[in-house]
Each structure stands twice: as structure tokens, then as C-alpha cells.
Amino acid sequence: QSENSIVEPIKIQNECINKEGLGSNPINSDNITREEADEIIKNYASSDAIEDLTFSSELSFDERKEIRMMGKRYGLSERTFMEKIYGRKRVFLVLSKKIGPGVIIEQLE
């Protein structure tokens, strides 16, 4: 897995910037609700996919925190990935599955 392979991260609407966390209603089609984020994370956790699940750098600290908690609920590990472009720092939240040696060997075959 390449740490620089962020392609089309998932965006969460930014209507709730205070301590409220993710909002419930999407503002436009690029954004998702708390329920949709939970569904995406749940589907990812139960799938056979081994790629990382990357969330948009547009998330606030509280939104990333809430998604981290969702990921932990489904047994996923999380990390943040920072990228500087033209002096602007972008922070992505990345959820991934805890992959055992059996899965790695299976992928190599």
C-alpha cells in the first residue's frame, strides 16, 4: 500500500462546526451524512476489500474524531495523513483493516 495513493477521499458535510460533530442532512451531493458515513464504514469493515478508506481533508477535528470512533466500533485502525500543497496543510483521515498474515499471503498468491 502506498501512503501517497489518496484518490477521491470521502467528504463529510461541514454544517456542524461546533462540538456537535457530523450533521444529519447533506448540503450537496459531494457531502454525506453521519448515517451515510456509518454505513460506508460498516460496509467497508464487512467487505473483503483491503484498500484503505480515506476521508476528505475538509473534515473538522470533531468530524474526524467522530469518524475515528465509528471506525473503532467496527474494529478498524486509523491514522492521519498530512500533505502540504502550495503551503497549505491538508489532513486526511485514513481507516484501514487490521490485516493478519494469512490475508497477506493470500494476496501474494
PDB file of N, CA and C in Angstrom:
ATOM      1  N   GLN A   1       0.840  -1.191   0.000  1.00  0.00           N
ATOM      2  CA  GLN A   1       0.000   0.000   0.000  1.00  0.00           C
ATOM      3  C   GLN A   1       0.878   1.245   0.000  1.00  0.00           C
ATOM      4  N   SER A   2       0.560   2.163  -0.819  1.00  0.00           N
ATOM      5  CA  SER A   2       1.321   3.405  -0.911  1.00  0.00           C
ATOM      6  C   SER A   2       0.642   4.471  -0.077  1.00  0.00           C
ATOM      7  N   GLU A   3       1.422   5.131   0.749  1.00  0.00           N
ATOM      8  CA  GLU A   3       0.841   6.163   1.619  1.00  0.00           C
ATOM      9  C   GLU A   3       0.467   7.413   0.819  1.00  0.00           C
ATOM     10  N   ASN A   4       0.907   7.514  -0.414  1.00  0.00           N
ATOM     11  CA  ASN A   4       0.612   8.686  -1.229  1.00  0.00           C
ATOM     12  C   ASN A   4      -0.458   8.399  -2.266  1.00  0.00           C
ATOM     13  N   SER A   5      -1.297   7.398  -2.016  1.00  0.00           N
ATOM     14  CA  SER A   5      -2.259   6.995  -3.036  1.00  0.00           C
ATOM     15  C   SER A   5      -3.681   7.415  -2.692  1.00  0.00           C
ATOM     16  N   ILE A   6      -3.869   8.658  -2.299  1.00  0.00           N
ATOM     17  CA  ILE A   6      -5.200   9.144  -1.960  1.00  0.00           C
ATOM     18  C   ILE A   6      -5.927   9.494  -3.254  1.00  0.00           C
ATOM     19  N   VAL A   7      -7.031   8.807  -3.487  1.00  0.00           N
ATOM     20  CA  VAL A   7      -7.820   9.035  -4.691  1.00  0.00           C
ATOM     21  C   VAL A   7      -9.261   9.266  -4.258  1.00  0.00           C
ATOM     22  N   GLU A   8      -9.818  10.420  -4.603  1.00  0.00           N
ATOM     23  CA  GLU A   8     -11.206  10.766  -4.298  1.00  0.00           C
ATOM     24  C   GLU A   8     -11.588  10.437  -2.848  1.00  0.00           C
ATOM     25  N   PRO A   9     -11.078  11.182  -1.870  1.00  0.00           N
ATOM     26  CA  PRO A   9     -11.454  10.933  -0.491  1.00  0.00           C
ATOM     27  C   PRO A   9     -12.938  11.218  -0.258  1.00  0.00           C
ATOM     28  N   ILE A  10     -13.489  10.564   0.750  1.00  0.00           N
ATOM     29  CA  ILE A  10     -14.893  10.749   1.096  1.00  0.00           C
ATOM     30  C   ILE A  10     -15.052  12.077   1.808  1.00  0.00           C
ATOM     31  N   LYS A  11     -16.037  12.868   1.404  1.00  0.00           N
ATOM     32  CA  LYS A  11     -16.274  14.173   2.008  1.00  0.00           C
ATOM     33  C   LYS A  11     -17.478  14.111   2.932  1.00  0.00           C
ATOM     34  N   ILE A  12     -17.376  14.778   4.060  1.00  0.00           N
ATOM     35  CA  ILE A  12     -18.479  14.883   5.009  1.00  0.00           C
ATOM     36  C   ILE A  12     -18.913  16.336   5.020  1.00  0.00           C
ATOM     37  N   GLN A  13     -20.218  16.556   5.068  1.00  0.00           N
ATOM     38  CA  GLN A  13     -20.691  17.938   5.077  1.00  0.00           C
ATOM     39  C   GLN A  13     -20.138  18.665   6.286  1.00  0.00           C
ATOM     40  N   ASN A  14     -19.990  19.957   6.181  1.00  0.00           N
ATOM     41  CA  ASN A  14     -19.366  20.746   7.231  1.00  0.00           C
ATOM     42  C   ASN A  14     -20.363  21.732   7.828  1.00  0.00           C
ATOM     43  N   GLU A  15     -21.620  21.307   8.001  1.00  0.00           N
ATOM     44  CA  GLU A  15     -22.614  22.238   8.524  1.00  0.00           C
ATOM     45  C   GLU A  15     -22.502  22.404  10.036  1.00  0.00           C
ATOM     46  N   CYS A  16     -21.964  21.422  10.732  1.00  0.00           N
ATOM     47  CA  CYS A  16     -21.853  21.495  12.192  1.00  0.00           C
ATOM     48  C   CYS A  16     -20.384  21.635  12.559  1.00  0.00           C
ATOM     49  N   ILE A  17     -19.951  22.835  12.863  1.00  0.00           N
ATOM     50  CA  ILE A  17     -18.540  23.050  13.148  1.00  0.00           C
ATOM     51  C   ILE A  17     -18.272  23.007  14.643  1.00  0.00           C
ATOM     52  N   ASN A  18     -19.272  23.212  15.465  1.00  0.00           N
ATOM     53  CA  ASN A  18     -19.079  23.196  16.917  1.00  0.00           C
ATOM     54  C   ASN A  18     -18.860  21.767  17.402  1.00  0.00           C
ATOM     55  N   LYS A  19     -19.116  21.498  18.667  1.00  0.00           N
ATOM     56  CA  LYS A  19     -18.906  20.187  19.258  1.00  0.00           C
ATOM     57  C   LYS A  19     -19.983  19.186  18.845  1.00  0.00           C
ATOM     58  N   GLU A  20     -20.877  19.575  17.948  1.00  0.00           N
ATOM     59  CA  GLU A  20     -21.979  18.707  17.561  1.00  0.00           C
ATOM     60  C   GLU A  20     -21.528  17.561  16.667  1.00  0.00           C
ATOM     61  N   GLY A  21     -20.425  17.708  15.967  1.00  0.00           N
ATOM     62  CA  GLY A  21     -19.945  16.639  15.101  1.00  0.00           C
ATOM     63  C   GLY A  21     -20.627  16.653  13.752  1.00  0.00           C
ATOM     64  N   LEU A  22     -20.748  15.477  13.142  1.00  0.00           N
ATOM     65  CA  LEU A  22     -21.310  15.367  11.805  1.00  0.00           C
ATOM     66  C   LEU A  22     -22.780  15.747  11.797  1.00  0.00           C
ATOM     67  N   GLY A  23     -23.192  16.416  10.757  1.00  0.00           N
ATOM     68  CA  GLY A  23     -24.595  16.797  10.629  1.00  0.00           C
ATOM     69  C   GLY A  23     -25.446  15.647  10.140  1.00  0.00           C
ATOM     70  N   SER A  24     -26.743  15.861  10.018  1.00  0.00           N
ATOM     71  CA  SER A  24     -27.651  14.806   9.585  1.00  0.00           C
ATOM     72  C   SER A  24     -28.156  14.994   8.165  1.00  0.00           C
ATOM     73  N   ASN A  25     -28.111  16.200   7.643  1.00  0.00           N
ATOM     74  CA  ASN A  25     -28.635  16.455   6.309  1.00  0.00           C
ATOM     75  C   ASN A  25     -27.521  16.930   5.384  1.00  0.00           C
ATOM     76  N   PRO A  26     -27.402  16.301   4.210  1.00  0.00           N
ATOM     77  CA  PRO A  26     -26.362  16.749   3.278  1.00  0.00           C
ATOM     78  C   PRO A  26     -26.714  18.097   2.668  1.00  0.00           C
ATOM     79  N   ILE A  27     -25.688  18.904   2.401  1.00  0.00           N
ATOM     80  CA  ILE A  27     -25.895  20.195   1.762  1.00  0.00           C
ATOM     81  C   ILE A  27     -25.861  20.021   0.247  1.00  0.00           C
ATOM     82  N   ASN A  28     -24.917  19.226  -0.251  1.00  0.00           N
ATOM     83  CA  ASN A  28     -24.861  18.952  -1.691  1.00  0.00           C
ATOM     84  C   ASN A  28     -24.402  17.522  -1.928  1.00  0.00           C
ATOM     85  N   SER A  29     -24.360  17.110  -3.169  1.00  0.00           N
ATOM     86  CA  SER A  29     -24.100  15.704  -3.482  1.00  0.00           C
ATOM     87  C   SER A  29     -22.679  15.254  -3.161  1.00  0.00           C
ATOM     88  N   ASP A  30     -21.739  16.188  -2.964  1.00  0.00           N
ATOM     89  CA  ASP A  30     -20.373  15.803  -2.623  1.00  0.00           C
ATOM     90  C   ASP A  30     -20.233  15.415  -1.151  1.00  0.00           C
ATOM     91  N   ASN A  31     -21.216  15.737  -0.344  1.00  0.00           N
ATOM     92  CA  ASN A  31     -21.133  15.509   1.087  1.00  0.00           C
ATOM     93  C   ASN A  31     -22.059  14.389   1.526  1.00  0.00           C
ATOM     94  N   ILE A  32     -21.721  13.775   2.672  1.00  0.00           N
ATOM     95  CA  ILE A  32     -22.541  12.694   3.198  1.00  0.00           C
ATOM     96  C   ILE A  32     -22.934  12.990   4.638  1.00  0.00           C
ATOM     97  N   THR A  33     -23.967  12.323   5.100  1.00  0.00           N
ATOM     98  CA  THR A  33     -24.446  12.497   6.473  1.00  0.00           C
ATOM     99  C   THR A  33     -23.735  11.535   7.417  1.00  0.00           C
ATOM    100  N   ARG A  34     -23.970  11.689   8.702  1.00  0.00           N
ATOM    101  CA  ARG A  34     -23.427  10.792   9.718  1.00  0.00           C
ATOM    102  C   ARG A  34     -23.870   9.361   9.429  1.00  0.00           C
ATOM    103  N   GLU A  35     -25.153   9.198   9.097  1.00  0.00           N
ATOM    104  CA  GLU A  35     -25.693   7.862   8.828  1.00  0.00           C
ATOM    105  C   GLU A  35     -25.022   7.236   7.609  1.00  0.00           C
ATOM    106  N   GLU A  36     -24.793   8.043   6.576  1.00  0.00           N
ATOM    107  CA  GLU A  36     -24.129   7.532   5.374  1.00  0.00           C
ATOM    108  C   GLU A  36     -22.670   7.176   5.670  1.00  0.00           C
ATOM    109  N   ALA A  37     -22.007   7.994   6.482  1.00  0.00           N
ATOM    110  CA  ALA A  37     -20.615   7.703   6.862  1.00  0.00           C
ATOM    111  C   ALA A  37     -20.559   6.391   7.626  1.00  0.00           C
ATOM    112  N   ASP A  38     -21.486   6.203   8.557  1.00  0.00           N
ATOM    113  CA  ASP A  38     -21.527   4.965   9.337  1.00  0.00           C
ATOM    114  C   ASP A  38     -21.769   3.771   8.420  1.00  0.00           C
ATOM    115  N   GLU A  39     -22.663   3.925   7.461  1.00  0.00           N
ATOM    116  CA  GLU A  39     -22.971   2.839   6.516  1.00  0.00           C
ATOM    117  C   GLU A  39     -21.744   2.510   5.659  1.00  0.00           C
ATOM    118  N   ILE A  40     -21.031   3.530   5.179  1.00  0.00           N
ATOM    119  CA  ILE A  40     -19.817   3.318   4.381  1.00  0.00           C
ATOM    120  C   ILE A  40     -18.772   2.570   5.199  1.00  0.00           C
ATOM    121  N   ILE A  41     -18.579   2.991   6.447  1.00  0.00           N
ATOM    122  CA  ILE A  41     -17.579   2.355   7.315  1.00  0.00           C
ATOM    123  C   ILE A  41     -17.980   0.914   7.622  1.00  0.00           C
ATOM    124  N   LYS A  42     -19.253   0.692   7.924  1.00  0.00           N
ATOM    125  CA  LYS A  42     -19.746  -0.658   8.224  1.00  0.00           C
ATOM    126  C   LYS A  42     -19.561  -1.569   7.006  1.00  0.00           C
ATOM    127  N   ASN A  43     -19.935  -1.085   5.822  1.00  0.00           N
ATOM    128  CA  ASN A  43     -19.787  -1.891   4.606  1.00  0.00           C
ATOM    129  C   ASN A  43     -18.322  -2.201   4.314  1.00  0.00           C
ATOM    130  N   TYR A  44     -17.457  -1.199   4.526  1.00  0.00           N
ATOM    131  CA  TYR A  44     -16.022  -1.405   4.315  1.00  0.00           C
ATOM    132  C   TYR A  44     -15.493  -2.469   5.274  1.00  0.00           C
ATOM    133  N   ALA A  45     -15.873  -2.362   6.555  1.00  0.00           N
ATOM    134  CA  ALA A  45     -15.383  -3.293   7.575  1.00  0.00           C
ATOM    135  C   ALA A  45     -15.815  -4.732   7.292  1.00  0.00           C
ATOM    136  N   SER A  46     -17.009  -4.910   6.730  1.00  0.00           N
ATOM    137  CA  SER A  46     -17.513  -6.266   6.484  1.00  0.00           C
ATOM    138  C   SER A  46     -17.162  -6.787   5.091  1.00  0.00           C
ATOM    139  N   SER A  47     -16.515  -5.965   4.272  1.00  0.00           N
ATOM    140  CA  SER A  47     -16.167  -6.379   2.911  1.00  0.00           C
ATOM    141  C   SER A  47     -14.823  -7.110   2.886  1.00  0.00           C
ATOM    142  N   ASP A  48     -14.481  -7.626   1.714  1.00  0.00           N
ATOM    143  CA  ASP A  48     -13.182  -8.281   1.515  1.00  0.00           C
ATOM    144  C   ASP A  48     -12.105  -7.290   1.095  1.00  0.00           C
ATOM    145  N   ALA A  49     -12.477  -6.020   0.942  1.00  0.00           N
ATOM    146  CA  ALA A  49     -11.525  -5.007   0.477  1.00  0.00           C
ATOM    147  C   ALA A  49     -10.381  -4.841   1.480  1.00  0.00           C
ATOM    148  N   ILE A  50      -9.183  -4.686   0.957  1.00  0.00           N
ATOM    149  CA  ILE A  50      -8.042  -4.450   1.846  1.00  0.00           C
ATOM    150  C   ILE A  50      -7.451  -3.053   1.641  1.00  0.00           C
ATOM    151  N   GLU A  51      -8.002  -2.298   0.674  1.00  0.00           N
ATOM    152  CA  GLU A  51      -7.533  -0.930   0.460  1.00  0.00           C
ATOM    153  C   GLU A  51      -7.956  -0.068   1.652  1.00  0.00           C
ATOM    154  N   ASP A  52      -7.244   1.022   1.857  1.00  0.00           N
ATOM    155  CA  ASP A  52      -7.591   1.958   2.925  1.00  0.00           C
ATOM    156  C   ASP A  52      -8.827   2.760   2.535  1.00  0.00           C
ATOM    157  N   LEU A  53      -9.560   3.221   3.542  1.00  0.00           N
ATOM    158  CA  LEU A  53     -10.717   4.083   3.348  1.00  0.00           C
ATOM    159  C   LEU A  53     -10.283   5.483   3.775  1.00  0.00           C
ATOM    160  N   THR A  54     -10.241   6.429   2.851  1.00  0.00           N
ATOM    161  CA  THR A  54      -9.703   7.762   3.105  1.00  0.00           C
ATOM    162  C   THR A  54     -10.810   8.801   3.104  1.00  0.00           C
ATOM    163  N   PHE A  55     -10.814   9.654   4.140  1.00  0.00           N
ATOM    164  CA  PHE A  55     -11.811  10.716   4.262  1.00  0.00           C
ATOM    165  C   PHE A  55     -11.184  12.065   3.931  1.00  0.00           C
ATOM    166  N   SER A  56     -11.988  12.941   3.424  1.00  0.00           N
ATOM    167  CA  SER A  56     -11.575  14.252   2.932  1.00  0.00           C
ATOM    168  C   SER A  56     -10.816  15.078   3.959  1.00  0.00           C
ATOM    169  N   SER A  57      -9.919  15.920   3.441  1.00  0.00           N
ATOM    170  CA  SER A  57      -9.180  16.843   4.307  1.00  0.00           C
ATOM    171  C   SER A  57     -10.062  17.998   4.766  1.00  0.00           C
ATOM    172  N   GLU A  58     -11.270  18.096   4.223  1.00  0.00           N
ATOM    173  CA  GLU A  58     -12.181  19.173   4.605  1.00  0.00           C
ATOM    174  C   GLU A  58     -12.879  18.916   5.931  1.00  0.00           C
ATOM    175  N   LEU A  59     -12.673  17.745   6.517  1.00  0.00           N
ATOM    176  CA  LEU A  59     -13.312  17.441   7.798  1.00  0.00           C
ATOM    177  C   LEU A  59     -12.718  18.289   8.914  1.00  0.00           C
ATOM    178  N   SER A  60     -13.568  18.673   9.855  1.00  0.00           N
ATOM    179  CA  SER A  60     -13.085  19.384  11.034  1.00  0.00           C
ATOM    180  C   SER A  60     -12.486  18.368  12.005  1.00  0.00           C
ATOM    181  N   PHE A  61     -11.810  18.847  13.029  1.00  0.00           N
ATOM    182  CA  PHE A  61     -11.239  17.983  14.055  1.00  0.00           C
ATOM    183  C   PHE A  61     -12.318  17.102  14.672  1.00  0.00           C
ATOM    184  N   ASP A  62     -13.471  17.705  15.021  1.00  0.00           N
ATOM    185  CA  ASP A  62     -14.553  16.959  15.666  1.00  0.00           C
ATOM    186  C   ASP A  62     -15.160  15.918  14.731  1.00  0.00           C
ATOM    187  N   GLU A  63     -15.243  16.226  13.443  1.00  0.00           N
ATOM    188  CA  GLU A  63     -15.771  15.253  12.485  1.00  0.00           C
ATOM    189  C   GLU A  63     -14.812  14.075  12.343  1.00  0.00           C
ATOM    190  N   ARG A  64     -13.502  14.361  12.284  1.00  0.00           N
ATOM    191  CA  ARG A  64     -12.519  13.264  12.224  1.00  0.00           C
ATOM    192  C   ARG A  64     -12.603  12.411  13.478  1.00  0.00           C
ATOM    193  N   LYS A  65     -12.773  13.063  14.622  1.00  0.00           N
ATOM    194  CA  LYS A  65     -12.884  12.335  15.891  1.00  0.00           C
ATOM    195  C   LYS A  65     -14.086  11.394  15.870  1.00  0.00           C
ATOM    196  N   GLU A  66     -15.210  11.869  15.362  1.00  0.00           N
ATOM    197  CA  GLU A  66     -16.417  11.050  15.309  1.00  0.00           C
ATOM    198  C   GLU A  66     -16.233   9.863  14.364  1.00  0.00           C
ATOM    199  N   ILE A  67     -15.587  10.099  13.233  1.00  0.00           N
ATOM    200  CA  ILE A  67     -15.349   9.000  12.288  1.00  0.00           C
ATOM    201  C   ILE A  67     -14.364   7.996  12.882  1.00  0.00           C
ATOM    202  N   ARG A  68     -13.367   8.480  13.622  1.00  0.00           N
ATOM    203  CA  ARG A  68     -12.443   7.568  14.310  1.00  0.00           C
ATOM    204  C   ARG A  68     -13.213   6.633  15.232  1.00  0.00           C
ATOM    205  N   MET A  69     -14.159   7.210  15.992  1.00  0.00           N
ATOM    206  CA  MET A  69     -14.955   6.403  16.924  1.00  0.00           C
ATOM    207  C   MET A  69     -15.799   5.374  16.165  1.00  0.00           C
ATOM    208  N   MET A  70     -16.362   5.763  15.015  1.00  0.00           N
ATOM    209  CA  MET A  70     -17.125   4.819  14.188  1.00  0.00           C
ATOM    210  C   MET A  70     -16.213   3.675  13.741  1.00  0.00           C
ATOM    211  N   GLY A  71     -15.020   4.029  13.295  1.00  0.00           N
ATOM    212  CA  GLY A  71     -14.069   3.019  12.832  1.00  0.00           C
ATOM    213  C   GLY A  71     -13.700   2.038  13.925  1.00  0.00           C
ATOM    214  N   LYS A  72     -13.460   2.541  15.127  1.00  0.00           N
ATOM    215  CA  LYS A  72     -13.107   1.674  16.259  1.00  0.00           C
ATOM    216  C   LYS A  72     -14.244   0.706  16.574  1.00  0.00           C
ATOM    217  N   ARG A  73     -15.489   1.194  16.429  1.00  0.00           N
ATOM    218  CA  ARG A  73     -16.659   0.347  16.677  1.00  0.00           C
ATOM    219  C   ARG A  73     -16.665  -0.877  15.763  1.00  0.00           C
ATOM    220  N   TYR A  74     -16.116  -0.719  14.560  1.00  0.00           N
ATOM    221  CA  TYR A  74     -16.075  -1.817  13.594  1.00  0.00           C
ATOM    222  C   TYR A  74     -14.707  -2.493  13.538  1.00  0.00           C
ATOM    223  N   GLY A  75     -13.851  -2.225  14.508  1.00  0.00           N
ATOM    224  CA  GLY A  75     -12.557  -2.897  14.608  1.00  0.00           C
ATOM    225  C   GLY A  75     -11.508  -2.418  13.614  1.00  0.00           C
ATOM    226  N   LEU A  76     -11.656  -1.188  13.112  1.00  0.00           N
ATOM    227  CA  LEU A  76     -10.699  -0.657  12.147  1.00  0.00           C
ATOM    228  C   LEU A  76      -9.620   0.155  12.850  1.00  0.00           C
ATOM    229  N   SER A  77      -8.454   0.223  12.252  1.00  0.00           N
ATOM    230  CA  SER A  77      -7.413   1.096  12.788  1.00  0.00           C
ATOM    231  C   SER A  77      -7.459   2.403  12.004  1.00  0.00           C
ATOM    232  N   GLU A  78      -6.932   3.454  12.604  1.00  0.00           N
ATOM    233  CA  GLU A  78      -6.982   4.760  11.949  1.00  0.00           C
ATOM    234  C   GLU A  78      -5.656   5.471  12.063  1.00  0.00           C
ATOM    235  N   ARG A  79      -5.434   6.340  11.101  1.00  0.00           N
ATOM    236  CA  ARG A  79      -4.250   7.208  11.141  1.00  0.00           C
ATOM    237  C   ARG A  79      -4.590   8.466  10.343  1.00  0.00           C
ATOM    238  N   THR A  80      -3.805   9.491  10.557  1.00  0.00           N
ATOM    239  CA  THR A  80      -3.982  10.694   9.755  1.00  0.00           C
ATOM    240  C   THR A  80      -2.788  10.810   8.817  1.00  0.00           C
ATOM    241  N   PHE A  81      -3.045  11.389   7.680  1.00  0.00           N
ATOM    242  CA  PHE A  81      -2.029  11.585   6.652  1.00  0.00           C
ATOM    243  C   PHE A  81      -2.029  13.063   6.323  1.00  0.00           C
ATOM    244  N   MET A  82      -0.874  13.713   6.467  1.00  0.00           N
ATOM    245  CA  MET A  82      -0.783  15.145   6.171  1.00  0.00           C
ATOM    246  C   MET A  82      -0.048  15.363   4.859  1.00  0.00           C
ATOM    247  N   GLU A  83      -0.553  16.333   4.129  1.00  0.00           N
ATOM    248  CA  GLU A  83       0.011  16.641   2.821  1.00  0.00           C
ATOM    249  C   GLU A  83       0.081  18.161   2.705  1.00  0.00           C
ATOM    250  N   LYS A  84       1.221  18.670   2.246  1.00  0.00           N
ATOM    251  CA  LYS A  84       1.340  20.118   2.034  1.00  0.00           C
ATOM    252  C   LYS A  84       1.343  20.394   0.543  1.00  0.00           C
ATOM    253  N   ILE A  85       0.417  21.232   0.122  1.00  0.00           N
ATOM    254  CA  ILE A  85       0.342  21.626  -1.286  1.00  0.00           C
ATOM    255  C   ILE A  85       0.314  23.147  -1.328  1.00  0.00           C
ATOM    256  N   TYR A  86       1.297  23.726  -1.981  1.00  0.00           N
ATOM    257  CA  TYR A  86       1.397  25.187  -2.110  1.00  0.00           C
ATOM    258  C   TYR A  86       1.268  25.885  -0.754  1.00  0.00           C
ATOM    259  N   GLY A  87       1.925  25.326   0.258  1.00  0.00           N
ATOM    260  CA  GLY A  87       1.941  25.944   1.574  1.00  0.00           C
ATOM    261  C   GLY A  87       0.717  25.662   2.429  1.00  0.00           C
ATOM    262  N   ARG A  88      -0.296  24.997   1.869  1.00  0.00           N
ATOM    263  CA  ARG A  88      -1.497  24.664   2.640  1.00  0.00           C
ATOM    264  C   ARG A  88      -1.390  23.236   3.144  1.00  0.00           C
ATOM    265  N   LYS A  89      -1.680  23.056   4.421  1.00  0.00           N
ATOM    266  CA  LYS A  89      -1.637  21.728   5.013  1.00  0.00           C
ATOM    267  C   LYS A  89      -3.012  21.082   4.905  1.00  0.00           C
ATOM    268  N   ARG A  90      -3.039  19.869   4.379  1.00  0.00           N
ATOM    269  CA  ARG A  90      -4.288  19.108   4.290  1.00  0.00           C
ATOM    270  C   ARG A  90      -4.133  17.856   5.128  1.00  0.00           C
ATOM    271  N   VAL A  91      -5.146  17.562   5.959  1.00  0.00           N
ATOM    272  CA  VAL A  91      -5.105  16.403   6.836  1.00  0.00           C
ATOM    273  C   VAL A  91      -6.212  15.438   6.420  1.00  0.00           C
ATOM    274  N   PHE A  92      -5.815  14.219   6.069  1.00  0.00           N
ATOM    275  CA  PHE A  92      -6.768  13.184   5.682  1.00  0.00           C
ATOM    276  C   PHE A  92      -6.867  12.158   6.806  1.00  0.00           C
ATOM    277  N   LEU A  93      -8.061  11.669   7.051  1.00  0.00           N
ATOM    278  CA  LEU A  93      -8.259  10.575   7.994  1.00  0.00           C
ATOM    279  C   LEU A  93      -8.329   9.292   7.180  1.00  0.00           C
ATOM    280  N   VAL A  94      -7.524   8.303   7.571  1.00  0.00           N
ATOM    281  CA  VAL A  94      -7.461   7.043   6.840  1.00  0.00           C
ATOM    282  C   VAL A  94      -7.843   5.908   7.787  1.00  0.00           C
ATOM    283  N   LEU A  95      -8.871   5.144   7.420  1.00  0.00           N
ATOM    284  CA  LEU A  95      -9.259   3.958   8.176  1.00  0.00           C
ATOM    285  C   LEU A  95      -8.763   2.744   7.418  1.00  0.00           C
ATOM    286  N   SER A  96      -8.292   1.752   8.152  1.00  0.00           N
ATOM    287  CA  SER A  96      -7.836   0.530   7.491  1.00  0.00           C
ATOM    288  C   SER A  96      -8.159  -0.673   8.359  1.00  0.00           C
ATOM    289  N   LYS A  97      -8.180  -1.819   7.701  1.00  0.00           N
ATOM    290  CA  LYS A  97      -8.461  -3.071   8.397  1.00  0.00           C
ATOM    291  C   LYS A  97      -7.178  -3.578   9.024  1.00  0.00           C
ATOM    292  N   LYS A  98      -7.338  -4.268  10.132  1.00  0.00           N
ATOM    293  CA  LYS A  98      -6.198  -4.928  10.752  1.00  0.00           C
ATOM    294  C   LYS A  98      -6.041  -6.256  10.023  1.00  0.00           C
ATOM    295  N   ILE A  99      -5.018  -6.326   9.189  1.00  0.00           N
ATOM    296  CA  ILE A  99      -4.838  -7.479   8.304  1.00  0.00           C
ATOM    297  C   ILE A  99      -3.840  -8.453   8.914  1.00  0.00           C
ATOM    298  N   GLY A 100      -4.265  -9.712   8.990  1.00  0.00           N
ATOM    299  CA  GLY A 100      -3.403 -10.757   9.526  1.00  0.00           C
ATOM    300  C   GLY A 100      -2.487 -11.320   8.458  1.00  0.00           C
ATOM    301  N   PRO A 101      -1.514 -12.120   8.872  1.00  0.00           N
ATOM    302  CA  PRO A 101      -0.544 -12.689   7.924  1.00  0.00           C
ATOM    303  C   PRO A 101      -1.200 -13.583   6.865  1.00  0.00           C
ATOM    304  N   GLY A 102      -2.291 -14.267   7.213  1.00  0.00           N
ATOM    305  CA  GLY A 102      -2.983 -15.130   6.260  1.00  0.00           C
ATOM    306  C   GLY A 102      -3.511 -14.365   5.064  1.00  0.00           C
ATOM    307  N   VAL A 103      -4.053 -13.181   5.309  1.00  0.00           N
ATOM    308  CA  VAL A 103      -4.603 -12.352   4.224  1.00  0.00           C
ATOM    309  C   VAL A 103      -3.480 -11.859   3.325  1.00  0.00           C
ATOM    310  N   ILE A 104      -2.355 -11.495   3.916  1.00  0.00           N
ATOM    311  CA  ILE A 104      -1.215 -11.005   3.134  1.00  0.00           C
ATOM    312  C   ILE A 104      -0.683 -12.125   2.221  1.00  0.00           C
ATOM    313  N   ILE A 105      -0.555 -13.320   2.780  1.00  0.00           N
ATOM    314  CA  ILE A 105      -0.073 -14.460   1.981  1.00  0.00           C
ATOM    315  C   ILE A 105      -1.059 -14.773   0.858  1.00  0.00           C
ATOM    316  N   GLU A 106      -2.362 -14.710   1.175  1.00  0.00           N
ATOM    317  CA  GLU A 106      -3.392 -14.971   0.164  1.00  0.00           C
ATOM    318  C   GLU A 106      -3.285 -13.975  -0.980  1.00  0.00           C
ATOM    319  N   GLN A 107      -3.010 -12.698  -0.672  1.00  0.00           N
ATOM    320  CA  GLN A 107      -2.892 -11.664  -1.704  1.00  0.00           C
ATOM    321  C   GLN A 107      -1.663 -11.882  -2.574  1.00  0.00           C
ATOM    322  N   LEU A 108      -0.620 -12.489  -2.019  1.00  0.00           N
ATOM    323  CA  LEU A 108       0.608 -12.702  -2.767  1.00  0.00           C
ATOM    324  C   LEU A 108       0.500 -13.894  -3.730  1.00  0.00           C
ATOM    325  N   GLU A 109      -0.437 -14.798  -3.471  1.00  0.00           N
ATOM    326  CA  GLU A 109      -0.571 -15.998  -4.305  1.00  0.00           C
ATOM    327  C   GLU A 109      -1.209 -15.722  -5.628  1.00  0.00           C
TER     328      GLU A 109
END
